[in-house]
Amino acid sequence: AFSIEAGGRIITWPSYFFLPVGFGLMSLVAAWKTICMVLGKE
């Protein structure tokens, strides 16, 4: 994936990976909190 701007071709596919990284890490934190709540640990 790319965009054409000012006559040049600029790749845009790397920016799509910020979303799964951000949401994945958020899920990891929430899952860890859930596990710790179940086990009664800090």
PDB file of all heavy atoms in Angstrom:
ATOM      1  N   ALA A   1       0.825  -1.215   0.000  1.00  0.00           N
ATOM      2  CA  ALA A   1       0.000   0.000   0.000  1.00  0.00           C
ATOM      3  C   ALA A   1       0.855   1.259   0.000  1.00  0.00           C
ATOM      4  O   ALA A   1       1.867   1.349   0.693  1.00  0.00           O
ATOM      5  CB  ALA A   1      -0.933   0.000   1.208  1.00  0.00           C
ATOM      6  N   PHE A   2       0.426   2.215  -0.806  1.00  0.00           N
ATOM      7  CA  PHE A   2       1.140   3.483  -0.927  1.00  0.00           C
ATOM      8  C   PHE A   2       0.170   4.583  -1.279  1.00  0.00           C
ATOM      9  O   PHE A   2      -0.979   4.339  -1.633  1.00  0.00           O
ATOM     10  CB  PHE A   2       2.241   3.386  -1.994  1.00  0.00           C
ATOM     11  CG  PHE A   2       1.709   3.162  -3.385  1.00  0.00           C
ATOM     12  CD1 PHE A   2       1.430   4.230  -4.217  1.00  0.00           C
ATOM     13  CD2 PHE A   2       1.483   1.871  -3.859  1.00  0.00           C
ATOM     14  CE1 PHE A   2       0.934   4.034  -5.503  1.00  0.00           C
ATOM     15  CE2 PHE A   2       0.990   1.665  -5.134  1.00  0.00           C
ATOM     16  CZ  PHE A   2       0.716   2.739  -5.962  1.00  0.00           C
ATOM     17  N   SER A   3       0.632   5.811  -1.179  1.00  0.00           N
ATOM     18  CA  SER A   3      -0.118   6.987  -1.616  1.00  0.00           C
ATOM     19  C   SER A   3       0.760   7.768  -2.571  1.00  0.00           C
ATOM     20  O   SER A   3       1.986   7.722  -2.479  1.00  0.00           O
ATOM     21  CB  SER A   3      -0.489   7.881  -0.439  1.00  0.00           C
ATOM     22  OG  SER A   3      -1.480   7.295   0.341  1.00  0.00           O
ATOM     23  N   ILE A   4       0.103   8.483  -3.454  1.00  0.00           N
ATOM     24  CA  ILE A   4       0.845   9.336  -4.379  1.00  0.00           C
ATOM     25  C   ILE A   4       0.624  10.779  -3.945  1.00  0.00           C
ATOM     26  O   ILE A   4      -0.503  11.244  -3.835  1.00  0.00           O
ATOM     27  CB  ILE A   4       0.400   9.123  -5.833  1.00  0.00           C
ATOM     28  CG1 ILE A   4       0.725   7.695  -6.239  1.00  0.00           C
ATOM     29  CG2 ILE A   4       1.053  10.142  -6.740  1.00  0.00           C
ATOM     30  CD1 ILE A   4       0.298   7.320  -7.629  1.00  0.00           C
ATOM     31  N   GLU A   5       1.714  11.428  -3.642  1.00  0.00           N
ATOM     32  CA  GLU A   5       1.656  12.809  -3.179  1.00  0.00           C
ATOM     33  C   GLU A   5       2.758  13.579  -3.882  1.00  0.00           C
ATOM     34  O   GLU A   5       3.915  13.149  -3.899  1.00  0.00           O
ATOM     35  CB  GLU A   5       1.847  12.850  -1.662  1.00  0.00           C
ATOM     36  CG  GLU A   5       1.822  14.208  -1.072  1.00  0.00           C
ATOM     37  CD  GLU A   5       0.483  14.552  -0.427  1.00  0.00           C
ATOM     38  OE1 GLU A   5      -0.371  13.687  -0.304  1.00  0.00           O
ATOM     39  OE2 GLU A   5       0.336  15.727  -0.073  1.00  0.00           O
ATOM     40  N   ALA A   6       2.415  14.710  -4.437  1.00  0.00           N
ATOM     41  CA  ALA A   6       3.369  15.580  -5.125  1.00  0.00           C
ATOM     42  C   ALA A   6       4.157  14.811  -6.182  1.00  0.00           C
ATOM     43  O   ALA A   6       5.358  15.005  -6.345  1.00  0.00           O
ATOM     44  CB  ALA A   6       4.301  16.246  -4.131  1.00  0.00           C
ATOM     45  N   GLY A   7       3.467  13.921  -6.864  1.00  0.00           N
ATOM     46  CA  GLY A   7       4.105  13.172  -7.948  1.00  0.00           C
ATOM     47  C   GLY A   7       4.998  12.037  -7.480  1.00  0.00           C
ATOM     48  O   GLY A   7       5.580  11.334  -8.290  1.00  0.00           O
ATOM     49  N   GLY A   8       5.101  11.832  -6.176  1.00  0.00           N
ATOM     50  CA  GLY A   8       5.949  10.766  -5.657  1.00  0.00           C
ATOM     51  C   GLY A   8       5.125   9.675  -5.009  1.00  0.00           C
ATOM     52  O   GLY A   8       4.034   9.903  -4.511  1.00  0.00           O
ATOM     53  N   ARG A   9       5.657   8.480  -5.042  1.00  0.00           N
ATOM     54  CA  ARG A   9       4.985   7.321  -4.454  1.00  0.00           C
ATOM     55  C   ARG A   9       5.561   7.101  -3.048  1.00  0.00           C
ATOM     56  O   ARG A   9       6.752   6.850  -2.896  1.00  0.00           O
ATOM     57  CB  ARG A   9       5.229   6.109  -5.347  1.00  0.00           C
ATOM     58  CG  ARG A   9       4.528   4.899  -4.949  1.00  0.00           C
ATOM     59  CD  ARG A   9       4.767   3.832  -5.976  1.00  0.00           C
ATOM     60  NE  ARG A   9       4.817   2.558  -5.282  1.00  0.00           N
ATOM     61  CZ  ARG A   9       4.681   1.407  -5.857  1.00  0.00           C
ATOM     62  NH1 ARG A   9       4.541   1.334  -7.161  1.00  0.00           N
ATOM     63  NH2 ARG A   9       4.705   0.302  -5.149  1.00  0.00           N
ATOM     64  N   ILE A  10       4.699   7.178  -2.039  1.00  0.00           N
ATOM     65  CA  ILE A  10       5.126   7.051  -0.652  1.00  0.00           C
ATOM     66  C   ILE A  10       4.424   5.842  -0.037  1.00  0.00           C
ATOM     67  O   ILE A  10       3.184   5.778  -0.030  1.00  0.00           O
ATOM     68  CB  ILE A  10       4.782   8.322   0.148  1.00  0.00           C
ATOM     69  CG1 ILE A  10       5.500   9.512  -0.483  1.00  0.00           C
ATOM     70  CG2 ILE A  10       5.137   8.160   1.615  1.00  0.00           C
ATOM     71  CD1 ILE A  10       5.047  10.842  -0.002  1.00  0.00           C
ATOM     72  N   ILE A  11       5.214   4.895   0.446  1.00  0.00           N
ATOM     73  CA  ILE A  11       4.612   3.693   1.033  1.00  0.00           C
ATOM     74  C   ILE A  11       3.896   4.064   2.334  1.00  0.00           C
ATOM     75  O   ILE A  11       4.375   4.872   3.128  1.00  0.00           O
ATOM     76  CB  ILE A  11       5.654   2.583   1.292  1.00  0.00           C
ATOM     77  CG1 ILE A  11       6.733   3.033   2.260  1.00  0.00           C
ATOM     78  CG2 ILE A  11       6.258   2.084   0.011  1.00  0.00           C
ATOM     79  CD1 ILE A  11       7.566   1.900   2.804  1.00  0.00           C
ATOM     80  N   THR A  12       2.730   3.471   2.543  1.00  0.00           N
ATOM     81  CA  THR A  12       1.950   3.740   3.759  1.00  0.00           C
ATOM     82  C   THR A  12       1.669   2.487   4.574  1.00  0.00           C
ATOM     83  O   THR A  12       1.152   2.585   5.682  1.00  0.00           O
ATOM     84  CB  THR A  12       0.610   4.397   3.399  1.00  0.00           C
ATOM     85  OG1 THR A  12      -0.105   3.553   2.498  1.00  0.00           O
ATOM     86  CG2 THR A  12       0.811   5.776   2.798  1.00  0.00           C
ATOM     87  N   TRP A  13       2.023   1.318   4.052  1.00  0.00           N
ATOM     88  CA  TRP A  13       1.686   0.101   4.778  1.00  0.00           C
ATOM     89  C   TRP A  13       2.303   0.007   6.171  1.00  0.00           C
ATOM     90  O   TRP A  13       1.676  -0.578   7.064  1.00  0.00           O
ATOM     91  CB  TRP A  13       2.019  -1.158   3.966  1.00  0.00           C
ATOM     92  CG  TRP A  13       3.466  -1.360   3.625  1.00  0.00           C
ATOM     93  CD1 TRP A  13       4.084  -1.060   2.450  1.00  0.00           C
ATOM     94  CD2 TRP A  13       4.477  -1.912   4.479  1.00  0.00           C
ATOM     95  NE1 TRP A  13       5.406  -1.374   2.515  1.00  0.00           N
ATOM     96  CE2 TRP A  13       5.682  -1.915   3.751  1.00  0.00           C
ATOM     97  CE3 TRP A  13       4.488  -2.404   5.775  1.00  0.00           C
ATOM     98  CZ2 TRP A  13       6.874  -2.377   4.284  1.00  0.00           C
ATOM     99  CZ3 TRP A  13       5.676  -2.876   6.305  1.00  0.00           C
ATOM    100  CH2 TRP A  13       6.847  -2.858   5.555  1.00  0.00           C
ATOM    101  N   PRO A  14       3.471   0.570   6.464  1.00  0.00           N
ATOM    102  CA  PRO A  14       3.991   0.435   7.834  1.00  0.00           C
ATOM    103  C   PRO A  14       3.089   1.058   8.899  1.00  0.00           C
ATOM    104  O   PRO A  14       3.017   0.562  10.023  1.00  0.00           O
ATOM    105  CB  PRO A  14       5.342   1.153   7.785  1.00  0.00           C
ATOM    106  CG  PRO A  14       5.758   1.074   6.354  1.00  0.00           C
ATOM    107  CD  PRO A  14       4.478   1.201   5.586  1.00  0.00           C
ATOM    108  N   SER A  15       2.380   2.116   8.550  1.00  0.00           N
ATOM    109  CA  SER A  15       1.538   2.781   9.556  1.00  0.00           C
ATOM    110  C   SER A  15       0.375   1.903  10.003  1.00  0.00           C
ATOM    111  O   SER A  15      -0.151   2.097  11.100  1.00  0.00           O
ATOM    112  CB  SER A  15       1.011   4.107   9.014  1.00  0.00           C
ATOM    113  OG  SER A  15       0.139   3.901   7.931  1.00  0.00           O
ATOM    114  N   TYR A  16      -0.009   0.933   9.200  1.00  0.00           N
ATOM    115  CA  TYR A  16      -1.107   0.046   9.569  1.00  0.00           C
ATOM    116  C   TYR A  16      -0.733  -0.862  10.743  1.00  0.00           C
ATOM    117  O   TYR A  16      -1.614  -1.402  11.410  1.00  0.00           O
ATOM    118  CB  TYR A  16      -1.549  -0.806   8.372  1.00  0.00           C
ATOM    119  CG  TYR A  16      -2.326  -0.019   7.352  1.00  0.00           C
ATOM    120  CD1 TYR A  16      -1.685   0.692   6.354  1.00  0.00           C
ATOM    121  CD2 TYR A  16      -3.715   0.029   7.406  1.00  0.00           C
ATOM    122  CE1 TYR A  16      -2.395   1.439   5.420  1.00  0.00           C
ATOM    123  CE2 TYR A  16      -4.435   0.765   6.486  1.00  0.00           C
ATOM    124  CZ  TYR A  16      -3.774   1.474   5.497  1.00  0.00           C
ATOM    125  OH  TYR A  16      -4.485   2.195   4.590  1.00  0.00           O
ATOM    126  N   PHE A  17       0.535  -1.033  11.020  1.00  0.00           N
ATOM    127  CA  PHE A  17       0.972  -1.908  12.106  1.00  0.00           C
ATOM    128  C   PHE A  17       0.909  -1.234  13.473  1.00  0.00           C
ATOM    129  O   PHE A  17       0.999  -1.904  14.500  1.00  0.00           O
ATOM    130  CB  PHE A  17       2.379  -2.448  11.820  1.00  0.00           C
ATOM    131  CG  PHE A  17       2.381  -3.519  10.773  1.00  0.00           C
ATOM    132  CD1 PHE A  17       2.595  -3.206   9.438  1.00  0.00           C
ATOM    133  CD2 PHE A  17       2.147  -4.837  11.111  1.00  0.00           C
ATOM    134  CE1 PHE A  17       2.581  -4.185   8.461  1.00  0.00           C
ATOM    135  CE2 PHE A  17       2.126  -5.831  10.146  1.00  0.00           C
ATOM    136  CZ  PHE A  17       2.348  -5.506   8.817  1.00  0.00           C
ATOM    137  N   PHE A  18       0.743   0.090  13.514  1.00  0.00           N
ATOM    138  CA  PHE A  18       0.628   0.763  14.803  1.00  0.00           C
ATOM    139  C   PHE A  18      -0.646   0.340  15.540  1.00  0.00           C
ATOM    140  O   PHE A  18      -0.653   0.247  16.770  1.00  0.00           O
ATOM    141  CB  PHE A  18       0.635   2.288  14.635  1.00  0.00           C
ATOM    142  CG  PHE A  18       1.947   2.848  14.162  1.00  0.00           C
ATOM    143  CD1 PHE A  18       1.990   3.751  13.107  1.00  0.00           C
ATOM    144  CD2 PHE A  18       3.144   2.494  14.762  1.00  0.00           C
ATOM    145  CE1 PHE A  18       3.198   4.287  12.666  1.00  0.00           C
ATOM    146  CE2 PHE A  18       4.350   3.016  14.341  1.00  0.00           C
ATOM    147  CZ  PHE A  18       4.381   3.911  13.290  1.00  0.00           C
ATOM    148  N   LEU A  19      -1.715   0.088  14.825  1.00  0.00           N
ATOM    149  CA  LEU A  19      -2.980  -0.285  15.455  1.00  0.00           C
ATOM    150  C   LEU A  19      -2.910  -1.643  16.152  1.00  0.00           C
ATOM    151  O   LEU A  19      -3.249  -1.739  17.342  1.00  0.00           O
ATOM    152  CB  LEU A  19      -4.132  -0.246  14.445  1.00  0.00           C
ATOM    153  CG  LEU A  19      -4.681   1.138  14.152  1.00  0.00           C
ATOM    154  CD1 LEU A  19      -3.788   1.909  13.210  1.00  0.00           C
ATOM    155  CD2 LEU A  19      -6.072   1.032  13.612  1.00  0.00           C
ATOM    156  N   PRO A  20      -2.494  -2.714  15.474  1.00  0.00           N
ATOM    157  CA  PRO A  20      -2.428  -3.989  16.196  1.00  0.00           C
ATOM    158  C   PRO A  20      -1.426  -3.983  17.344  1.00  0.00           C
ATOM    159  O   PRO A  20      -1.640  -4.644  18.361  1.00  0.00           O
ATOM    160  CB  PRO A  20      -2.051  -5.012  15.122  1.00  0.00           C
ATOM    161  CG  PRO A  20      -1.548  -4.243  13.966  1.00  0.00           C
ATOM    162  CD  PRO A  20      -2.164  -2.881  14.054  1.00  0.00           C
ATOM    163  N   VAL A  21      -0.351  -3.220  17.214  1.00  0.00           N
ATOM    164  CA  VAL A  21       0.605  -3.134  18.319  1.00  0.00           C
ATOM    165  C   VAL A  21      -0.049  -2.441  19.514  1.00  0.00           C
ATOM    166  O   VAL A  21       0.000  -2.934  20.650  1.00  0.00           O
ATOM    167  CB  VAL A  21       1.896  -2.398  17.894  1.00  0.00           C
ATOM    168  CG1 VAL A  21       2.755  -2.066  19.098  1.00  0.00           C
ATOM    169  CG2 VAL A  21       2.675  -3.237  16.895  1.00  0.00           C
ATOM    170  N   GLY A  22      -0.684  -1.303  19.281  1.00  0.00           N
ATOM    171  CA  GLY A  22      -1.333  -0.566  20.363  1.00  0.00           C
ATOM    172  C   GLY A  22      -2.452  -1.356  21.023  1.00  0.00           C
ATOM    173  O   GLY A  22      -2.508  -1.472  22.255  1.00  0.00           O
ATOM    174  N   PHE A  23      -3.354  -1.905  20.213  1.00  0.00           N
ATOM    175  CA  PHE A  23      -4.464  -2.675  20.775  1.00  0.00           C
ATOM    176  C   PHE A  23      -3.980  -3.986  21.388  1.00  0.00           C
ATOM    177  O   PHE A  23      -4.518  -4.442  22.398  1.00  0.00           O
ATOM    178  CB  PHE A  23      -5.534  -2.948  19.713  1.00  0.00           C
ATOM    179  CG  PHE A  23      -6.414  -1.765  19.447  1.00  0.00           C
ATOM    180  CD1 PHE A  23      -6.354  -1.102  18.232  1.00  0.00           C
ATOM    181  CD2 PHE A  23      -7.308  -1.297  20.402  1.00  0.00           C
ATOM    182  CE1 PHE A  23      -7.165  -0.001  17.974  1.00  0.00           C
ATOM    183  CE2 PHE A  23      -8.112  -0.204  20.165  1.00  0.00           C
ATOM    184  CZ  PHE A  23      -8.048   0.444  18.938  1.00  0.00           C
ATOM    185  N   GLY A  24      -2.976  -4.602  20.783  1.00  0.00           N
ATOM    186  CA  GLY A  24      -2.428  -5.844  21.333  1.00  0.00           C
ATOM    187  C   GLY A  24      -1.811  -5.631  22.703  1.00  0.00           C
ATOM    188  O   GLY A  24      -2.030  -6.426  23.629  1.00  0.00           O
ATOM    189  N   LEU A  25      -1.035  -4.559  22.852  1.00  0.00           N
ATOM    190  CA  LEU A  25      -0.445  -4.265  24.159  1.00  0.00           C
ATOM    191  C   LEU A  25      -1.512  -3.901  25.187  1.00  0.00           C
ATOM    192  O   LEU A  25      -1.428  -4.290  26.353  1.00  0.00           O
ATOM    193  CB  LEU A  25       0.584  -3.147  24.039  1.00  0.00           C
ATOM    194  CG  LEU A  25       1.901  -3.521  23.364  1.00  0.00           C
ATOM    195  CD1 LEU A  25       2.782  -2.293  23.186  1.00  0.00           C
ATOM    196  CD2 LEU A  25       2.626  -4.596  24.163  1.00  0.00           C
ATOM    197  N   MET A  26      -2.535  -3.183  24.750  1.00  0.00           N
ATOM    198  CA  MET A  26      -3.628  -2.854  25.665  1.00  0.00           C
ATOM    199  C   MET A  26      -4.334  -4.125  26.128  1.00  0.00           C
ATOM    200  O   MET A  26      -4.663  -4.277  27.309  1.00  0.00           O
ATOM    201  CB  MET A  26      -4.622  -1.914  24.987  1.00  0.00           C
ATOM    202  CG  MET A  26      -5.719  -1.432  25.891  1.00  0.00           C
ATOM    203  SD  MET A  26      -6.767  -0.247  25.018  1.00  0.00           S
ATOM    204  CE  MET A  26      -7.899   0.204  26.308  1.00  0.00           C
ATOM    205  N   SER A  27      -4.537  -5.048  25.208  1.00  0.00           N
ATOM    206  CA  SER A  27      -5.154  -6.325  25.549  1.00  0.00           C
ATOM    207  C   SER A  27      -4.281  -7.115  26.519  1.00  0.00           C
ATOM    208  O   SER A  27      -4.782  -7.728  27.467  1.00  0.00           O
ATOM    209  CB  SER A  27      -5.400  -7.144  24.276  1.00  0.00           C
ATOM    210  OG  SER A  27      -5.950  -8.393  24.599  1.00  0.00           O
ATOM    211  N   LEU A  28      -2.970  -7.090  26.290  1.00  0.00           N
ATOM    212  CA  LEU A  28      -2.042  -7.790  27.175  1.00  0.00           C
ATOM    213  C   LEU A  28      -2.124  -7.239  28.598  1.00  0.00           C
ATOM    214  O   LEU A  28      -2.185  -7.998  29.576  1.00  0.00           O
ATOM    215  CB  LEU A  28      -0.615  -7.665  26.630  1.00  0.00           C
ATOM    216  CG  LEU A  28       0.501  -8.286  27.462  1.00  0.00           C
ATOM    217  CD1 LEU A  28       0.332  -9.799  27.533  1.00  0.00           C
ATOM    218  CD2 LEU A  28       1.849  -7.921  26.865  1.00  0.00           C
ATOM    219  N   VAL A  29      -2.147  -5.924  28.731  1.00  0.00           N
ATOM    220  CA  VAL A  29      -2.238  -5.299  30.052  1.00  0.00           C
ATOM    221  C   VAL A  29      -3.558  -5.679  30.725  1.00  0.00           C
ATOM    222  O   VAL A  29      -3.588  -6.065  31.901  1.00  0.00           O
ATOM    223  CB  VAL A  29      -2.085  -3.763  29.958  1.00  0.00           C
ATOM    224  CG1 VAL A  29      -2.426  -3.087  31.280  1.00  0.00           C
ATOM    225  CG2 VAL A  29      -0.684  -3.402  29.512  1.00  0.00           C
ATOM    226  N   ALA A  30      -4.665  -5.572  29.988  1.00  0.00           N
ATOM    227  CA  ALA A  30      -5.975  -5.896  30.568  1.00  0.00           C
ATOM    228  C   ALA A  30      -6.062  -7.381  30.936  1.00  0.00           C
ATOM    229  O   ALA A  30      -6.607  -7.727  31.995  1.00  0.00           O
ATOM    230  CB  ALA A  30      -7.088  -5.518  29.590  1.00  0.00           C
ATOM    231  N   ALA A  31      -5.527  -8.240  30.091  1.00  0.00           N
ATOM    232  CA  ALA A  31      -5.539  -9.676  30.390  1.00  0.00           C
ATOM    233  C   ALA A  31      -4.701  -9.970  31.633  1.00  0.00           C
ATOM    234  O   ALA A  31      -5.097 -10.781  32.483  1.00  0.00           O
ATOM    235  CB  ALA A  31      -5.022 -10.468  29.196  1.00  0.00           C
ATOM    236  N   TRP A  32      -3.543  -9.318  31.751  1.00  0.00           N
ATOM    237  CA  TRP A  32      -2.695  -9.519  32.925  1.00  0.00           C
ATOM    238  C   TRP A  32      -3.407  -9.060  34.193  1.00  0.00           C
ATOM    239  O   TRP A  32      -3.352  -9.724  35.232  1.00  0.00           O
ATOM    240  CB  TRP A  32      -1.358  -8.809  32.749  1.00  0.00           C
ATOM    241  CG  TRP A  32      -0.451  -9.035  33.912  1.00  0.00           C
ATOM    242  CD1 TRP A  32      -0.023  -8.103  34.806  1.00  0.00           C
ATOM    243  CD2 TRP A  32       0.103 -10.273  34.337  1.00  0.00           C
ATOM    244  NE1 TRP A  32       0.776  -8.689  35.753  1.00  0.00           N
ATOM    245  CE2 TRP A  32       0.866 -10.027  35.484  1.00  0.00           C
ATOM    246  CE3 TRP A  32       0.025 -11.578  33.847  1.00  0.00           C
ATOM    247  CZ2 TRP A  32       1.545 -11.031  36.159  1.00  0.00           C
ATOM    248  CZ3 TRP A  32       0.707 -12.581  34.517  1.00  0.00           C
ATOM    249  CH2 TRP A  32       1.452 -12.301  35.656  1.00  0.00           C
ATOM    250  N   LYS A  33      -4.102  -7.924  34.120  1.00  0.00           N
ATOM    251  CA  LYS A  33      -4.858  -7.446  35.274  1.00  0.00           C
ATOM    252  C   LYS A  33      -5.942  -8.454  35.656  1.00  0.00           C
ATOM    253  O   LYS A  33      -6.168  -8.715  36.843  1.00  0.00           O
ATOM    254  CB  LYS A  33      -5.508  -6.094  34.967  1.00  0.00           C
ATOM    255  CG  LYS A  33      -4.573  -4.932  34.963  1.00  0.00           C
ATOM    256  CD  LYS A  33      -5.381  -3.682  34.662  1.00  0.00           C
ATOM    257  CE  LYS A  33      -4.562  -2.441  34.725  1.00  0.00           C
ATOM    258  NZ  LYS A  33      -5.377  -1.253  34.435  1.00  0.00           N
ATOM    259  N   THR A  34      -6.600  -9.005  34.642  1.00  0.00           N
ATOM    260  CA  THR A  34      -7.660  -9.980  34.887  1.00  0.00           C
ATOM    261  C   THR A  34      -7.105 -11.221  35.574  1.00  0.00           C
ATOM    262  O   THR A  34      -7.677 -11.712  36.555  1.00  0.00           O
ATOM    263  CB  THR A  34      -8.348 -10.369  33.555  1.00  0.00           C
ATOM    264  OG1 THR A  34      -8.821  -9.187  32.915  1.00  0.00           O
ATOM    265  CG2 THR A  34      -9.512 -11.309  33.784  1.00  0.00           C
ATOM    266  N   ILE A  35      -5.988 -11.722  35.083  1.00  0.00           N
ATOM    267  CA  ILE A  35      -5.359 -12.904  35.676  1.00  0.00           C
ATOM    268  C   ILE A  35      -4.974 -12.620  37.128  1.00  0.00           C
ATOM    269  O   ILE A  35      -5.215 -13.448  38.023  1.00  0.00           O
ATOM    270  CB  ILE A  35      -4.126 -13.334  34.853  1.00  0.00           C
ATOM    271  CG1 ILE A  35      -4.566 -13.885  33.498  1.00  0.00           C
ATOM    272  CG2 ILE A  35      -3.276 -14.351  35.608  1.00  0.00           C
ATOM    273  CD1 ILE A  35      -3.438 -14.041  32.498  1.00  0.00           C
ATOM    274  N   CYS A  36      -4.407 -11.470  37.379  1.00  0.00           N
ATOM    275  CA  CYS A  36      -4.000 -11.118  38.742  1.00  0.00           C
ATOM    276  C   CYS A  36      -5.201 -10.957  39.670  1.00  0.00           C
ATOM    277  O   CYS A  36      -5.127 -11.302  40.851  1.00  0.00           O
ATOM    278  CB  CYS A  36      -3.136  -9.860  38.731  1.00  0.00           C
ATOM    279  SG  CYS A  36      -1.508 -10.149  37.995  1.00  0.00           S
ATOM    280  N   MET A  37      -6.316 -10.449  39.142  1.00  0.00           N
ATOM    281  CA  MET A  37      -7.526 -10.345  39.963  1.00  0.00           C
ATOM    282  C   MET A  37      -8.032 -11.722  40.353  1.00  0.00           C
ATOM    283  O   MET A  37      -8.425 -11.946  41.497  1.00  0.00           O
ATOM    284  CB  MET A  37      -8.624  -9.580  39.201  1.00  0.00           C
ATOM    285  CG  MET A  37      -8.430  -8.103  39.127  1.00  0.00           C
ATOM    286  SD  MET A  37      -9.840  -7.379  38.244  1.00  0.00           S
ATOM    287  CE  MET A  37      -9.107  -5.882  37.637  1.00  0.00           C
ATOM    288  N   VAL A  38      -8.022 -12.643  39.395  1.00  0.00           N
ATOM    289  CA  VAL A  38      -8.490 -14.002  39.669  1.00  0.00           C
ATOM    290  C   VAL A  38      -7.602 -14.675  40.716  1.00  0.00           C
ATOM    291  O   VAL A  38      -8.086 -15.344  41.630  1.00  0.00           O
ATOM    292  CB  VAL A  38      -8.533 -14.850  38.372  1.00  0.00           C
ATOM    293  CG1 VAL A  38      -8.734 -16.322  38.674  1.00  0.00           C
ATOM    294  CG2 VAL A  38      -9.632 -14.347  37.445  1.00  0.00           C
ATOM    295  N   LEU A  39      -6.293 -14.481  40.600  1.00  0.00           N
ATOM    296  CA  LEU A  39      -5.353 -15.111  41.524  1.00  0.00           C
ATOM    297  C   LEU A  39      -5.181 -14.341  42.829  1.00  0.00           C
ATOM    298  O   LEU A  39      -4.540 -14.835  43.768  1.00  0.00           O
ATOM    299  CB  LEU A  39      -3.987 -15.267  40.842  1.00  0.00           C
ATOM    300  CG  LEU A  39      -3.964 -16.167  39.605  1.00  0.00           C
ATOM    301  CD1 LEU A  39      -2.585 -16.158  38.979  1.00  0.00           C
ATOM    302  CD2 LEU A  39      -4.402 -17.585  39.961  1.00  0.00           C
ATOM    303  N   GLY A  40      -5.729 -13.132  42.892  1.00  0.00           N
ATOM    304  CA  GLY A  40      -5.597 -12.319  44.093  1.00  0.00           C
ATOM    305  C   GLY A  40      -4.184 -11.814  44.323  1.00  0.00           C
ATOM    306  O   GLY A  40      -3.767 -11.603  45.458  1.00  0.00           O
ATOM    307  N   LYS A  41      -3.430 -11.612  43.251  1.00  0.00           N
ATOM    308  CA  LYS A  41      -2.039 -11.162  43.335  1.00  0.00           C
ATOM    309  C   LYS A  41      -1.918  -9.736  42.825  1.00  0.00           C
ATOM    310  O   LYS A  41      -2.757  -9.245  42.077  1.00  0.00           O
ATOM    311  CB  LYS A  41      -1.129 -12.067  42.479  1.00  0.00           C
ATOM    312  CG  LYS A  41      -1.177 -13.528  42.846  1.00  0.00           C
ATOM    313  CD  LYS A  41      -0.374 -13.790  44.076  1.00  0.00           C
ATOM    314  CE  LYS A  41      -0.303 -15.293  44.333  1.00  0.00           C
ATOM    315  NZ  LYS A  41       0.417 -15.620  45.522  1.00  0.00           N
ATOM    316  N   GLU A  42      -0.834  -9.079  43.213  1.00  0.00           N
ATOM    317  CA  GLU A  42      -0.504  -7.763  42.672  1.00  0.00           C
ATOM    318  C   GLU A  42      -0.048  -7.921  41.224  1.00  0.00           C
ATOM    319  O   GLU A  42       0.599  -8.915  40.883  1.00  0.00           O
ATOM    320  CB  GLU A  42       0.607  -7.105  43.488  1.00  0.00           C
ATOM    321  CG  GLU A  42       0.179  -6.689  44.870  1.00  0.00           C
ATOM    322  CD  GLU A  42      -0.847  -5.563  44.841  1.00  0.00           C
ATOM    323  OE1 GLU A  42      -0.708  -4.637  44.019  1.00  0.00           O
ATOM    324  OE2 GLU A  42      -1.799  -5.632  45.648  1.00  0.00           O
TER     325      GLU A  42
END
